[in-house]
Amino acid sequence: MLINLGRILMTGVWAFLLLNLVHPFPTPLKYFVNVALIFMVLMHGLQLVLMRATQPKGGPSLSGLVQIKIFFFGVFELLAWQKKQLPKK
């Protein structure tokens, strides 16, 4: 439930940041949002690279769809992925 709420929140954040590229906000806000977009792309990219680097060689690999979801939703998708990977007792 909360993971899906987080995904919705991240979708709204991405929409807000990308809206600035299509329809720029007033001057002081426009620069802040551009910096925030660059920071978000860098952090989510770094998160994806670290996740791929820590995967065991013999373990399940990340599919392309999962990698895209991790990039866009960040930690919320990692939590959902981790929840699926845990062995059920």
PDB file of N, CA and C in Angstrom:
ATOM      1  N   MET A   1       0.825  -1.199   0.000  1.00  0.00           N
ATOM      2  CA  MET A   1       0.000   0.000   0.000  1.00  0.00           C
ATOM      3  C   MET A   1       0.866   1.259   0.000  1.00  0.00           C
ATOM      4  N   LEU A   2       1.803   1.344   0.967  1.00  0.00           N
ATOM      5  CA  LEU A   2       2.639   2.537   1.049  1.00  0.00           C
ATOM      6  C   LEU A   2       3.632   2.623  -0.106  1.00  0.00           C
ATOM      7  N   ILE A   3       4.055   1.457  -0.618  1.00  0.00           N
ATOM      8  CA  ILE A   3       4.958   1.464  -1.770  1.00  0.00           C
ATOM      9  C   ILE A   3       4.240   2.045  -2.979  1.00  0.00           C
ATOM     10  N   ASN A   4       2.984   1.691  -3.169  1.00  0.00           N
ATOM     11  CA  ASN A   4       2.227   2.251  -4.295  1.00  0.00           C
ATOM     12  C   ASN A   4       1.997   3.747  -4.117  1.00  0.00           C
ATOM     13  N   LEU A   5       1.787   4.188  -2.886  1.00  0.00           N
ATOM     14  CA  LEU A   5       1.659   5.621  -2.620  1.00  0.00           C
ATOM     15  C   LEU A   5       2.967   6.340  -2.958  1.00  0.00           C
ATOM     16  N   GLY A   6       4.078   5.718  -2.628  1.00  0.00           N
ATOM     17  CA  GLY A   6       5.381   6.286  -2.962  1.00  0.00           C
ATOM     18  C   GLY A   6       5.608   6.361  -4.458  1.00  0.00           C
ATOM     19  N   ARG A   7       5.163   5.338  -5.177  1.00  0.00           N
ATOM     20  CA  ARG A   7       5.274   5.366  -6.645  1.00  0.00           C
ATOM     21  C   ARG A   7       4.455   6.517  -7.233  1.00  0.00           C
ATOM     22  N   ILE A   8       3.270   6.715  -6.704  1.00  0.00           N
ATOM     23  CA  ILE A   8       2.427   7.827  -7.177  1.00  0.00           C
ATOM     24  C   ILE A   8       3.110   9.159  -6.872  1.00  0.00           C
ATOM     25  N   LEU A   9       3.688   9.280  -5.702  1.00  0.00           N
ATOM     26  CA  LEU A   9       4.407  10.493  -5.326  1.00  0.00           C
ATOM     27  C   LEU A   9       5.579  10.749  -6.268  1.00  0.00           C
ATOM     28  N   MET A  10       6.357   9.703  -6.573  1.00  0.00           N
ATOM     29  CA  MET A  10       7.498   9.863  -7.473  1.00  0.00           C
ATOM     30  C   MET A  10       7.048  10.232  -8.884  1.00  0.00           C
ATOM     31  N   THR A  11       5.927   9.687  -9.315  1.00  0.00           N
ATOM     32  CA  THR A  11       5.395  10.057 -10.630  1.00  0.00           C
ATOM     33  C   THR A  11       5.042  11.542 -10.656  1.00  0.00           C
ATOM     34  N   GLY A  12       4.465  12.047  -9.582  1.00  0.00           N
ATOM     35  CA  GLY A  12       4.151  13.470  -9.492  1.00  0.00           C
ATOM     36  C   GLY A  12       5.400  14.338  -9.474  1.00  0.00           C
ATOM     37  N   VAL A  13       6.431  13.885  -8.774  1.00  0.00           N
ATOM     38  CA  VAL A  13       7.681  14.650  -8.736  1.00  0.00           C
ATOM     39  C   VAL A  13       8.318  14.690 -10.119  1.00  0.00           C
ATOM     40  N   TRP A  14       8.370  13.531 -10.788  1.00  0.00           N
ATOM     41  CA  TRP A  14       8.926  13.506 -12.150  1.00  0.00           C
ATOM     42  C   TRP A  14       8.112  14.416 -13.075  1.00  0.00           C
ATOM     43  N   ALA A  15       6.788  14.374 -12.964  1.00  0.00           N
ATOM     44  CA  ALA A  15       5.937  15.211 -13.824  1.00  0.00           C
ATOM     45  C   ALA A  15       6.210  16.691 -13.573  1.00  0.00           C
ATOM     46  N   PHE A  16       6.355  17.071 -12.307  1.00  0.00           N
ATOM     47  CA  PHE A  16       6.642  18.466 -11.971  1.00  0.00           C
ATOM     48  C   PHE A  16       7.988  18.900 -12.541  1.00  0.00           C
ATOM     49  N   LEU A  17       8.996  18.044 -12.398  1.00  0.00           N
ATOM     50  CA  LEU A  17      10.328  18.405 -12.878  1.00  0.00           C
ATOM     51  C   LEU A  17      10.389  18.450 -14.403  1.00  0.00           C
ATOM     52  N   LEU A  18       9.714  17.511 -15.061  1.00  0.00           N
ATOM     53  CA  LEU A  18       9.735  17.500 -16.524  1.00  0.00           C
ATOM     54  C   LEU A  18       8.840  18.581 -17.122  1.00  0.00           C
ATOM     55  N   LEU A  19       7.825  19.004 -16.399  1.00  0.00           N
ATOM     56  CA  LEU A  19       6.970  20.095 -16.867  1.00  0.00           C
ATOM     57  C   LEU A  19       7.784  21.371 -17.074  1.00  0.00           C
ATOM     58  N   ASN A  20       8.799  21.551 -16.248  1.00  0.00           N
ATOM     59  CA  ASN A  20       9.647  22.733 -16.378  1.00  0.00           C
ATOM     60  C   ASN A  20      10.385  22.749 -17.712  1.00  0.00           C
ATOM     61  N   LEU A  21      10.672  21.583 -18.287  1.00  0.00           N
ATOM     62  CA  LEU A  21      11.342  21.540 -19.587  1.00  0.00           C
ATOM     63  C   LEU A  21      10.397  21.926 -20.712  1.00  0.00           C
ATOM     64  N   VAL A  22       9.126  21.561 -20.583  1.00  0.00           N
ATOM     65  CA  VAL A  22       8.130  21.858 -21.618  1.00  0.00           C
ATOM     66  C   VAL A  22       7.620  23.290 -21.492  1.00  0.00           C
ATOM     67  N   HIS A  23       7.272  23.671 -20.273  1.00  0.00           N
ATOM     68  CA  HIS A  23       6.750  25.006 -20.002  1.00  0.00           C
ATOM     69  C   HIS A  23       7.533  25.586 -18.827  1.00  0.00           C
ATOM     70  N   PRO A  24       8.602  26.335 -19.115  1.00  0.00           N
ATOM     71  CA  PRO A  24       9.465  26.815 -18.015  1.00  0.00           C
ATOM     72  C   PRO A  24       8.716  27.688 -17.009  1.00  0.00           C
ATOM     73  N   PHE A  25       9.062  27.481 -15.762  1.00  0.00           N
ATOM     74  CA  PHE A  25       8.497  28.267 -14.670  1.00  0.00           C
ATOM     75  C   PHE A  25       9.144  29.646 -14.652  1.00  0.00           C
ATOM     76  N   PRO A  26       8.654  30.576 -13.824  1.00  0.00           N
ATOM     77  CA  PRO A  26       9.286  31.900 -13.725  1.00  0.00           C
ATOM     78  C   PRO A  26      10.768  31.769 -13.332  1.00  0.00           C
ATOM     79  N   THR A  27      11.533  32.786 -13.661  1.00  0.00           N
ATOM     80  CA  THR A  27      12.994  32.741 -13.619  1.00  0.00           C
ATOM     81  C   THR A  27      13.630  32.183 -12.349  1.00  0.00           C
ATOM     82  N   PRO A  28      13.353  32.641 -11.151  1.00  0.00           N
ATOM     83  CA  PRO A  28      14.113  32.040 -10.035  1.00  0.00           C
ATOM     84  C   PRO A  28      13.783  30.568  -9.816  1.00  0.00           C
ATOM     85  N   LEU A  29      12.528  30.179 -10.019  1.00  0.00           N
ATOM     86  CA  LEU A  29      12.109  28.796  -9.798  1.00  0.00           C
ATOM     87  C   LEU A  29      12.630  27.877 -10.891  1.00  0.00           C
ATOM     88  N   LYS A  30      12.737  28.387 -12.093  1.00  0.00           N
ATOM     89  CA  LYS A  30      13.171  27.582 -13.231  1.00  0.00           C
ATOM     90  C   LYS A  30      14.555  26.991 -13.000  1.00  0.00           C
ATOM     91  N   TYR A  31      15.471  27.772 -12.460  1.00  0.00           N
ATOM     92  CA  TYR A  31      16.830  27.283 -12.224  1.00  0.00           C
ATOM     93  C   TYR A  31      16.867  26.249 -11.108  1.00  0.00           C
ATOM     94  N   PHE A  32      16.092  26.464 -10.077  1.00  0.00           N
ATOM     95  CA  PHE A  32      16.025  25.505  -8.975  1.00  0.00           C
ATOM     96  C   PHE A  32      15.487  24.162  -9.460  1.00  0.00           C
ATOM     97  N   VAL A  33      14.448  24.190 -10.272  1.00  0.00           N
ATOM     98  CA  VAL A  33      13.839  22.957 -10.760  1.00  0.00           C
ATOM     99  C   VAL A  33      14.786  22.238 -11.715  1.00  0.00           C
ATOM    100  N   ASN A  34      15.540  22.979 -12.529  1.00  0.00           N
ATOM    101  CA  ASN A  34      16.522  22.352 -13.411  1.00  0.00           C
ATOM    102  C   ASN A  34      17.612  21.645 -12.609  1.00  0.00           C
ATOM    103  N   VAL A  35      18.081  22.292 -11.556  1.00  0.00           N
ATOM    104  CA  VAL A  35      19.090  21.670 -10.698  1.00  0.00           C
ATOM    105  C   VAL A  35      18.508  20.442 -10.010  1.00  0.00           C
ATOM    106  N   ALA A  36      17.271  20.523  -9.561  1.00  0.00           N
ATOM    107  CA  ALA A  36      16.621  19.389  -8.908  1.00  0.00           C
ATOM    108  C   ALA A  36      16.467  18.218  -9.888  1.00  0.00           C
ATOM    109  N   LEU A  37      16.155  18.497 -11.149  1.00  0.00           N
ATOM    110  CA  LEU A  37      16.020  17.449 -12.156  1.00  0.00           C
ATOM    111  C   LEU A  37      17.366  16.769 -12.403  1.00  0.00           C
ATOM    112  N   ILE A  38      18.413  17.549 -12.531  1.00  0.00           N
ATOM    113  CA  ILE A  38      19.751  16.982 -12.735  1.00  0.00           C
ATOM    114  C   ILE A  38      20.145  16.129 -11.533  1.00  0.00           C
ATOM    115  N   PHE A  39      19.893  16.625 -10.336  1.00  0.00           N
ATOM    116  CA  PHE A  39      20.218  15.881  -9.120  1.00  0.00           C
ATOM    117  C   PHE A  39      19.435  14.567  -9.064  1.00  0.00           C
ATOM    118  N   MET A  40      18.163  14.611  -9.425  1.00  0.00           N
ATOM    119  CA  MET A  40      17.332  13.410  -9.367  1.00  0.00           C
ATOM    120  C   MET A  40      17.803  12.376 -10.385  1.00  0.00           C
ATOM    121  N   VAL A  41      18.142  12.808 -11.588  1.00  0.00           N
ATOM    122  CA  VAL A  41      18.640  11.874 -12.597  1.00  0.00           C
ATOM    123  C   VAL A  41      19.956  11.249 -12.137  1.00  0.00           C
ATOM    124  N   LEU A  42      20.848  12.055 -11.576  1.00  0.00           N
ATOM    125  CA  LEU A  42      22.122  11.528 -11.093  1.00  0.00           C
ATOM    126  C   LEU A  42      21.932  10.542  -9.937  1.00  0.00           C
ATOM    127  N   MET A  43      21.097  10.881  -8.974  1.00  0.00           N
ATOM    128  CA  MET A  43      20.907  10.006  -7.821  1.00  0.00           C
ATOM    129  C   MET A  43      20.209   8.692  -8.203  1.00  0.00           C
ATOM    130  N   HIS A  44      19.203   8.765  -9.050  1.00  0.00           N
ATOM    131  CA  HIS A  44      18.506   7.546  -9.444  1.00  0.00           C
ATOM    132  C   HIS A  44      19.397   6.703 -10.359  1.00  0.00           C
ATOM    133  N   GLY A  45      20.194   7.354 -11.188  1.00  0.00           N
ATOM    134  CA  GLY A  45      21.159   6.621 -12.011  1.00  0.00           C
ATOM    135  C   GLY A  45      22.205   5.933 -11.159  1.00  0.00           C
ATOM    136  N   LEU A  46      22.710   6.629 -10.152  1.00  0.00           N
ATOM    137  CA  LEU A  46      23.686   6.043  -9.236  1.00  0.00           C
ATOM    138  C   LEU A  46      23.073   4.874  -8.470  1.00  0.00           C
ATOM    139  N   GLN A  47      21.851   5.021  -8.056  1.00  0.00           N
ATOM    140  CA  GLN A  47      21.148   3.950  -7.347  1.00  0.00           C
ATOM    141  C   GLN A  47      21.028   2.710  -8.238  1.00  0.00           C
ATOM    142  N   LEU A  48      20.714   2.902  -9.509  1.00  0.00           N
ATOM    143  CA  LEU A  48      20.585   1.783 -10.434  1.00  0.00           C
ATOM    144  C   LEU A  48      21.937   1.129 -10.683  1.00  0.00           C
ATOM    145  N   VAL A  49      22.980   1.926 -10.866  1.00  0.00           N
ATOM    146  CA  VAL A  49      24.320   1.378 -11.094  1.00  0.00           C
ATOM    147  C   VAL A  49      24.782   0.570  -9.883  1.00  0.00           C
ATOM    148  N   LEU A  50      24.563   1.093  -8.685  1.00  0.00           N
ATOM    149  CA  LEU A  50      24.955   0.364  -7.478  1.00  0.00           C
ATOM    150  C   LEU A  50      24.157  -0.923  -7.318  1.00  0.00           C
ATOM    151  N   MET A  51      22.889  -0.889  -7.659  1.00  0.00           N
ATOM    152  CA  MET A  51      22.066  -2.094  -7.566  1.00  0.00           C
ATOM    153  C   MET A  51      22.561  -3.156  -8.536  1.00  0.00           C
ATOM    154  N   ARG A  52      22.893  -2.753  -9.761  1.00  0.00           N
ATOM    155  CA  ARG A  52      23.403  -3.708 -10.744  1.00  0.00           C
ATOM    156  C   ARG A  52      24.762  -4.252 -10.331  1.00  0.00           C
ATOM    157  N   ALA A  53      25.592  -3.436  -9.696  1.00  0.00           N
ATOM    158  CA  ALA A  53      26.938  -3.861  -9.304  1.00  0.00           C
ATOM    159  C   ALA A  53      26.911  -4.837  -8.135  1.00  0.00           C
ATOM    160  N   THR A  54      25.887  -4.772  -7.307  1.00  0.00           N
ATOM    161  CA  THR A  54      25.822  -5.647  -6.140  1.00  0.00           C
ATOM    162  C   THR A  54      25.078  -6.944  -6.407  1.00  0.00           C
ATOM    163  N   GLN A  55      24.569  -7.128  -7.604  1.00  0.00           N
ATOM    164  CA  GLN A  55      23.876  -8.368  -7.941  1.00  0.00           C
ATOM    165  C   GLN A  55      24.880  -9.513  -8.037  1.00  0.00           C
ATOM    166  N   PRO A  56      24.586 -10.659  -7.425  1.00  0.00           N
ATOM    167  CA  PRO A  56      25.485 -11.806  -7.568  1.00  0.00           C
ATOM    168  C   PRO A  56      25.455 -12.342  -9.001  1.00  0.00           C
ATOM    169  N   LYS A  57      26.592 -12.903  -9.428  1.00  0.00           N
ATOM    170  CA  LYS A  57      26.695 -13.403 -10.808  1.00  0.00           C
ATOM    171  C   LYS A  57      25.716 -14.542 -11.085  1.00  0.00           C
ATOM    172  N   GLY A  58      25.563 -15.457 -10.136  1.00  0.00           N
ATOM    173  CA  GLY A  58      24.687 -16.603 -10.345  1.00  0.00           C
ATOM    174  C   GLY A  58      23.237 -16.348  -9.980  1.00  0.00           C
ATOM    175  N   GLY A  59      22.961 -15.199  -9.401  1.00  0.00           N
ATOM    176  CA  GLY A  59      21.614 -14.897  -8.941  1.00  0.00           C
ATOM    177  C   GLY A  59      20.721 -14.396 -10.053  1.00  0.00           C
ATOM    178  N   PRO A  60      19.501 -14.050  -9.708  1.00  0.00           N
ATOM    179  CA  PRO A  60      18.578 -13.534 -10.729  1.00  0.00           C
ATOM    180  C   PRO A  60      19.045 -12.157 -11.218  1.00  0.00           C
ATOM    181  N   SER A  61      19.038 -11.989 -12.525  1.00  0.00           N
ATOM    182  CA  SER A  61      19.458 -10.701 -13.078  1.00  0.00           C
ATOM    183  C   SER A  61      18.256  -9.754 -13.154  1.00  0.00           C
ATOM    184  N   LEU A  62      18.559  -8.482 -13.247  1.00  0.00           N
ATOM    185  CA  LEU A  62      17.507  -7.469 -13.348  1.00  0.00           C
ATOM    186  C   LEU A  62      17.084  -7.343 -14.804  1.00  0.00           C
ATOM    187  N   SER A  63      15.805  -7.474 -15.066  1.00  0.00           N
ATOM    188  CA  SER A  63      15.315  -7.306 -16.430  1.00  0.00           C
ATOM    189  C   SER A  63      15.313  -5.817 -16.781  1.00  0.00           C
ATOM    190  N   GLY A  64      15.139  -5.532 -18.041  1.00  0.00           N
ATOM    191  CA  GLY A  64      15.117  -4.145 -18.497  1.00  0.00           C
ATOM    192  C   GLY A  64      13.976  -3.355 -17.883  1.00  0.00           C
ATOM    193  N   LEU A  65      12.816  -3.990 -17.754  1.00  0.00           N
ATOM    194  CA  LEU A  65      11.658  -3.321 -17.166  1.00  0.00           C
ATOM    195  C   LEU A  65      11.909  -2.982 -15.703  1.00  0.00           C
ATOM    196  N   VAL A  66      12.522  -3.916 -14.975  1.00  0.00           N
ATOM    197  CA  VAL A  66      12.820  -3.668 -13.562  1.00  0.00           C
ATOM    198  C   VAL A  66      13.829  -2.531 -13.432  1.00  0.00           C
ATOM    199  N   GLN A  67      14.817  -2.485 -14.315  1.00  0.00           N
ATOM    200  CA  GLN A  67      15.800  -1.411 -14.263  1.00  0.00           C
ATOM    201  C   GLN A  67      15.165  -0.052 -14.532  1.00  0.00           C
ATOM    202  N   ILE A  68      14.255   0.011 -15.483  1.00  0.00           N
ATOM    203  CA  ILE A  68      13.554   1.269 -15.773  1.00  0.00           C
ATOM    204  C   ILE A  68      12.706   1.685 -14.580  1.00  0.00           C
ATOM    205  N   LYS A  69      12.021   0.708 -13.965  1.00  0.00           N
ATOM    206  CA  LYS A  69      11.192   1.020 -12.808  1.00  0.00           C
ATOM    207  C   LYS A  69      12.042   1.498 -11.639  1.00  0.00           C
ATOM    208  N   ILE A  70      13.221   0.897 -11.443  1.00  0.00           N
ATOM    209  CA  ILE A  70      14.118   1.335 -10.378  1.00  0.00           C
ATOM    210  C   ILE A  70      14.591   2.750 -10.645  1.00  0.00           C
ATOM    211  N   PHE A  71      14.891   3.074 -11.910  1.00  0.00           N
ATOM    212  CA  PHE A  71      15.342   4.424 -12.240  1.00  0.00           C
ATOM    213  C   PHE A  71      14.252   5.451 -11.959  1.00  0.00           C
ATOM    214  N   PHE A  72      13.026   5.167 -12.344  1.00  0.00           N
ATOM    215  CA  PHE A  72      11.960   6.152 -12.179  1.00  0.00           C
ATOM    216  C   PHE A  72      11.397   6.223 -10.767  1.00  0.00           C
ATOM    217  N   PHE A  73      11.241   5.079 -10.116  1.00  0.00           N
ATOM    218  CA  PHE A  73      10.612   5.079  -8.800  1.00  0.00           C
ATOM    219  C   PHE A  73      11.601   5.030  -7.651  1.00  0.00           C
ATOM    220  N   GLY A  74      12.868   4.771  -7.926  1.00  0.00           N
ATOM    221  CA  GLY A  74      13.906   4.812  -6.906  1.00  0.00           C
ATOM    222  C   GLY A  74      13.714   3.797  -5.806  1.00  0.00           C
ATOM    223  N   VAL A  75      13.823   4.263  -4.586  1.00  0.00           N
ATOM    224  CA  VAL A  75      13.817   3.384  -3.420  1.00  0.00           C
ATOM    225  C   VAL A  75      12.499   2.640  -3.260  1.00  0.00           C
ATOM    226  N   PHE A  76      11.420   3.198  -3.743  1.00  0.00           N
ATOM    227  CA  PHE A  76      10.135   2.522  -3.622  1.00  0.00           C
ATOM    228  C   PHE A  76      10.121   1.240  -4.451  1.00  0.00           C
ATOM    229  N   GLU A  77      10.688   1.289  -5.634  1.00  0.00           N
ATOM    230  CA  GLU A  77      10.759   0.090  -6.461  1.00  0.00           C
ATOM    231  C   GLU A  77      11.768  -0.900  -5.894  1.00  0.00           C
ATOM    232  N   LEU A  78      12.859  -0.409  -5.322  1.00  0.00           N
ATOM    233  CA  LEU A  78      13.823  -1.307  -4.685  1.00  0.00           C
ATOM    234  C   LEU A  78      13.185  -2.059  -3.521  1.00  0.00           C
ATOM    235  N   LEU A  79      12.380  -1.385  -2.746  1.00  0.00           N
ATOM    236  CA  LEU A  79      11.681  -2.046  -1.645  1.00  0.00           C
ATOM    237  C   LEU A  79      10.718  -3.112  -2.160  1.00  0.00           C
ATOM    238  N   ALA A  80      10.004  -2.805  -3.230  1.00  0.00           N
ATOM    239  CA  ALA A  80       9.073  -3.781  -3.808  1.00  0.00           C
ATOM    240  C   ALA A  80       9.847  -4.963  -4.376  1.00  0.00           C
ATOM    241  N   TRP A  81      10.971  -4.712  -5.036  1.00  0.00           N
ATOM    242  CA  TRP A  81      11.784  -5.772  -5.616  1.00  0.00           C
ATOM    243  C   TRP A  81      12.373  -6.653  -4.513  1.00  0.00           C
ATOM    244  N   GLN A  82      12.846  -6.023  -3.451  1.00  0.00           N
ATOM    245  CA  GLN A  82      13.416  -6.761  -2.327  1.00  0.00           C
ATOM    246  C   GLN A  82      12.353  -7.632  -1.658  1.00  0.00           C
ATOM    247  N   LYS A  83      11.158  -7.092  -1.554  1.00  0.00           N
ATOM    248  CA  LYS A  83      10.054  -7.845  -0.933  1.00  0.00           C
ATOM    249  C   LYS A  83       9.731  -9.103  -1.758  1.00  0.00           C
ATOM    250  N   LYS A  84       9.838  -9.010  -3.073  1.00  0.00           N
ATOM    251  CA  LYS A  84       9.579 -10.164  -3.939  1.00  0.00           C
ATOM    252  C   LYS A  84      10.710 -11.190  -3.831  1.00  0.00           C
ATOM    253  N   GLN A  85      11.951 -10.724  -3.595  1.00  0.00           N
ATOM    254  CA  GLN A  85      13.106 -11.615  -3.590  1.00  0.00           C
ATOM    255  C   GLN A  85      13.269 -12.387  -2.289  1.00  0.00           C
ATOM    256  N   LEU A  86      12.703 -11.904  -1.189  1.00  0.00           N
ATOM    257  CA  LEU A  86      12.855 -12.573   0.086  1.00  0.00           C
ATOM    258  C   LEU A  86      12.176 -13.943   0.057  1.00  0.00           C
ATOM    259  N   PRO A  87      12.861 -14.985   0.562  1.00  0.00           N
ATOM    260  CA  PRO A  87      12.208 -16.302   0.569  1.00  0.00           C
ATOM    261  C   PRO A  87      11.052 -16.321   1.565  1.00  0.00           C
ATOM    262  N   LYS A  88       9.980 -16.934   1.143  1.00  0.00           N
ATOM    263  CA  LYS A  88       8.800 -17.009   2.013  1.00  0.00           C
ATOM    264  C   LYS A  88       8.948 -18.189   2.958  1.00  0.00           C
ATOM    265  N   LYS A  89       8.618 -17.962   4.222  1.00  0.00           N
ATOM    266  CA  LYS A  89       8.760 -19.006   5.234  1.00  0.00           C
ATOM    267  C   LYS A  89       7.443 -19.687   5.497  1.00  0.00           C
TER     268      LYS A  89
END
